[in-house]
C-alpha atoms as a PDB file:
ATOM      1  CA  UNK A   1      24.832 -39.553 -35.754  1.00  0.00           C
ATOM      2  CA  UNK A   2      23.530 -37.433 -32.951  1.00  0.00           C
ATOM      3  CA  UNK A   3      23.553 -33.673 -32.556  1.00  0.00           C
ATOM      4  CA  UNK A   4      25.889 -32.475 -29.814  1.00  0.00           C
ATOM      5  CA  UNK A   5      25.765 -28.740 -30.388  1.00  0.00           C
ATOM      6  CA  UNK A   6      26.635 -25.987 -32.812  1.00  0.00           C
ATOM      7  CA  UNK A   7      29.551 -23.745 -33.682  1.00  0.00           C
ATOM      8  CA  UNK A   8      29.962 -20.557 -35.670  1.00  0.00           C
ATOM      9  CA  UNK A   9      31.694 -20.707 -39.048  1.00  0.00           C
ATOM     10  CA  UNK A  10      32.807 -17.589 -40.919  1.00  0.00           C
ATOM     11  CA  UNK A  11      32.630 -17.441 -44.696  1.00  0.00           C
ATOM     12  CA  UNK A  12      33.561 -14.727 -47.187  1.00  0.00           C
ATOM     13  CA  UNK A  13      31.204 -13.919 -50.030  1.00  0.00           C
ATOM     14  CA  UNK A  14      32.093 -12.713 -53.516  1.00  0.00           C
ATOM     15  CA  UNK A  15      31.453  -9.146 -52.380  1.00  0.00           C
ATOM     16  CA  UNK A  16      34.136  -9.499 -49.695  1.00  0.00           C
ATOM     17  CA  UNK A  17      31.570  -9.436 -46.895  1.00  0.00           C
ATOM     18  CA  UNK A  18      32.084 -11.975 -44.116  1.00  0.00           C
ATOM     19  CA  UNK A  19      29.030 -13.891 -42.955  1.00  0.00           C
ATOM     20  CA  UNK A  20      28.740 -16.100 -39.886  1.00  0.00           C
ATOM     21  CA  UNK A  21      26.781 -19.362 -40.071  1.00  0.00           C
ATOM     22  CA  UNK A  22      25.724 -21.587 -37.214  1.00  0.00           C
ATOM     23  CA  UNK A  23      26.884 -25.127 -38.094  1.00  0.00           C
ATOM     24  CA  UNK A  24      25.589 -28.265 -36.367  1.00  0.00           C
ATOM     25  CA  UNK A  25      28.138 -30.536 -34.688  1.00  0.00           C
ATOM     26  CA  UNK A  26      27.385 -34.237 -34.939  1.00  0.00           C
ATOM     27  CA  UNK A  27      28.891 -37.181 -33.091  1.00  0.00           C
ATOM     28  CA  UNK A  28      29.132 -40.568 -34.808  1.00  0.00           C
ATOM     29  CA  UNK A  29      27.465 -43.324 -32.802  1.00  0.00           C
ATOM     30  CA  UNK A  30      29.943 -45.903 -34.143  1.00  0.00           C
ATOM     31  CA  UNK A  31      33.356 -44.238 -33.949  1.00  0.00           C
ATOM     32  CA  UNK A  32      32.641 -41.285 -31.644  1.00  0.00           C
ATOM     33  CA  UNK A  33      34.260 -38.755 -33.997  1.00  0.00           C
ATOM     34  CA  UNK A  34      32.802 -35.276 -34.341  1.00  0.00           C
ATOM     35  CA  UNK A  35      31.622 -34.063 -37.758  1.00  0.00           C
ATOM     36  CA  UNK A  36      30.238 -30.713 -38.884  1.00  0.00           C
ATOM     37  CA  UNK A  37      27.186 -30.497 -41.121  1.00  0.00           C
ATOM     38  CA  UNK A  38      28.136 -28.022 -43.854  1.00  0.00           C
ATOM     39  CA  UNK A  39      25.669 -26.448 -46.274  1.00  0.00           C
ATOM     40  CA  UNK A  40      26.280 -26.937 -50.001  1.00  0.00           C
ATOM     41  CA  UNK A  41      27.964 -23.549 -50.463  1.00  0.00           C
ATOM     42  CA  UNK A  42      30.756 -24.158 -47.923  1.00  0.00           C
ATOM     43  CA  UNK A  43      33.898 -26.144 -48.716  1.00  0.00           C
ATOM     44  CA  UNK A  44      35.621 -27.942 -45.835  1.00  0.00           C
ATOM     45  CA  UNK A  45      38.679 -26.028 -44.572  1.00  0.00           C
ATOM     46  CA  UNK A  46      38.108 -23.124 -46.987  1.00  0.00           C
ATOM     47  CA  UNK A  47      37.002 -19.648 -45.912  1.00  0.00           C
ATOM     48  CA  UNK A  48      35.338 -18.552 -49.160  1.00  0.00           C
ATOM     49  CA  UNK A  49      32.036 -19.719 -50.623  1.00  0.00           C
ATOM     50  CA  UNK A  50      32.253 -22.559 -53.135  1.00  0.00           C
ATOM     51  CA  UNK A  51      31.027 -20.238 -55.906  1.00  0.00           C
ATOM     52  CA  UNK A  52      34.054 -17.958 -55.349  1.00  0.00           C
ATOM     53  CA  UNK A  53      36.492 -20.847 -55.544  1.00  0.00           C
ATOM     54  CA  UNK A  54      34.742 -22.246 -58.616  1.00  0.00           C
ATOM     55  CA  UNK A  55      34.836 -18.868 -60.350  1.00  0.00           C
ATOM     56  CA  UNK A  56      38.575 -18.463 -59.791  1.00  0.00           C
ATOM     57  CA  UNK A  57      39.382 -22.030 -60.876  1.00  0.00           C
ATOM     58  CA  UNK A  58      37.218 -21.915 -63.995  1.00  0.00           C
ATOM     59  CA  UNK A  59      38.131 -18.373 -65.121  1.00  0.00           C
ATOM     60  CA  UNK A  60      41.505 -17.466 -63.600  1.00  0.00           C
ATOM     61  CA  UNK A  61      41.968 -14.221 -65.501  1.00  0.00           C
ATOM     62  CA  UNK A  62      38.340 -13.028 -65.403  1.00  0.00           C
ATOM     63  CA  UNK A  63      37.142 -13.097 -61.820  1.00  0.00           C
ATOM     64  CA  UNK A  64      36.207 -10.485 -59.249  1.00  0.00           C
ATOM     65  CA  UNK A  65      36.860 -12.430 -56.053  1.00  0.00           C
ATOM     66  CA  UNK A  66      38.570 -10.254 -53.431  1.00  0.00           C
ATOM     67  CA  UNK A  67      41.303 -12.706 -52.397  1.00  0.00           C
ATOM     68  CA  UNK A  68      45.078 -12.379 -52.126  1.00  0.00           C
ATOM     69  CA  UNK A  69      47.283 -13.875 -54.814  1.00  0.00           C
ATOM     70  CA  UNK A  70      48.676 -16.312 -52.247  1.00  0.00           C
ATOM     71  CA  UNK A  71      45.141 -17.557 -51.540  1.00  0.00           C
ATOM     72  CA  UNK A  72      44.459 -18.023 -55.246  1.00  0.00           C
ATOM     73  CA  UNK A  73      47.725 -19.927 -55.625  1.00  0.00           C
ATOM     74  CA  UNK A  74      46.762 -22.248 -52.747  1.00  0.00           C
ATOM     75  CA  UNK A  75      43.331 -22.887 -54.347  1.00  0.00           C
ATOM     76  CA  UNK A  76      44.972 -23.928 -57.638  1.00  0.00           C
ATOM     77  CA  UNK A  77      47.467 -26.097 -55.777  1.00  0.00           C
ATOM     78  CA  UNK A  78      44.661 -27.697 -53.724  1.00  0.00           C
ATOM     79  CA  UNK A  79      42.596 -28.365 -56.855  1.00  0.00           C
ATOM     80  CA  UNK A  80      45.536 -29.913 -58.725  1.00  0.00           C
ATOM     81  CA  UNK A  81      46.289 -32.212 -55.806  1.00  0.00           C
ATOM     82  CA  UNK A  82      42.737 -33.646 -55.905  1.00  0.00           C
ATOM     83  CA  UNK A  83      42.126 -33.925 -59.674  1.00  0.00           C
ATOM     84  CA  UNK A  84      43.311 -37.528 -59.971  1.00  0.00           C
ATOM     85  CA  UNK A  85      41.227 -38.555 -56.970  1.00  0.00           C
ATOM     86  CA  UNK A  86      38.057 -36.935 -58.366  1.00  0.00           C
ATOM     87  CA  UNK A  87      38.583 -38.466 -61.819  1.00  0.00           C
ATOM     88  CA  UNK A  88      39.011 -41.861 -60.167  1.00  0.00           C
ATOM     89  CA  UNK A  89      35.764 -41.387 -58.239  1.00  0.00           C
ATOM     90  CA  UNK A  90      33.915 -40.476 -61.429  1.00  0.00           C
ATOM     91  CA  UNK A  91      35.323 -43.481 -63.293  1.00  0.00           C
ATOM     92  CA  UNK A  92      34.317 -45.877 -60.524  1.00  0.00           C
ATOM     93  CA  UNK A  93      30.854 -44.318 -60.432  1.00  0.00           C
ATOM     94  CA  UNK A  94      30.384 -44.715 -64.200  1.00  0.00           C
ATOM     95  CA  UNK A  95      31.685 -48.288 -64.287  1.00  0.00           C
ATOM     96  CA  UNK A  96      29.675 -49.474 -61.284  1.00  0.00           C
END
């Protein structure tokens, strides 16, 4: 991978404040595709911090994340669509 530049990425915090982070863009030497190096608190394709998403998914009725109901619904739908995949990854990791 080689660094080819940066881009700005917006992210909403639990307080509702939007922060802008400068994310490195990387190009794969083998396939030529561009990847973005995300810090641990950002989830790909999501606009809220991972802690906000985790809070809503783990305590649906007791959270203080300032997000619309439609956003919360999409988070639950997204999580449900990946549960089987994640369980499969964990099983393969334990058995290996």
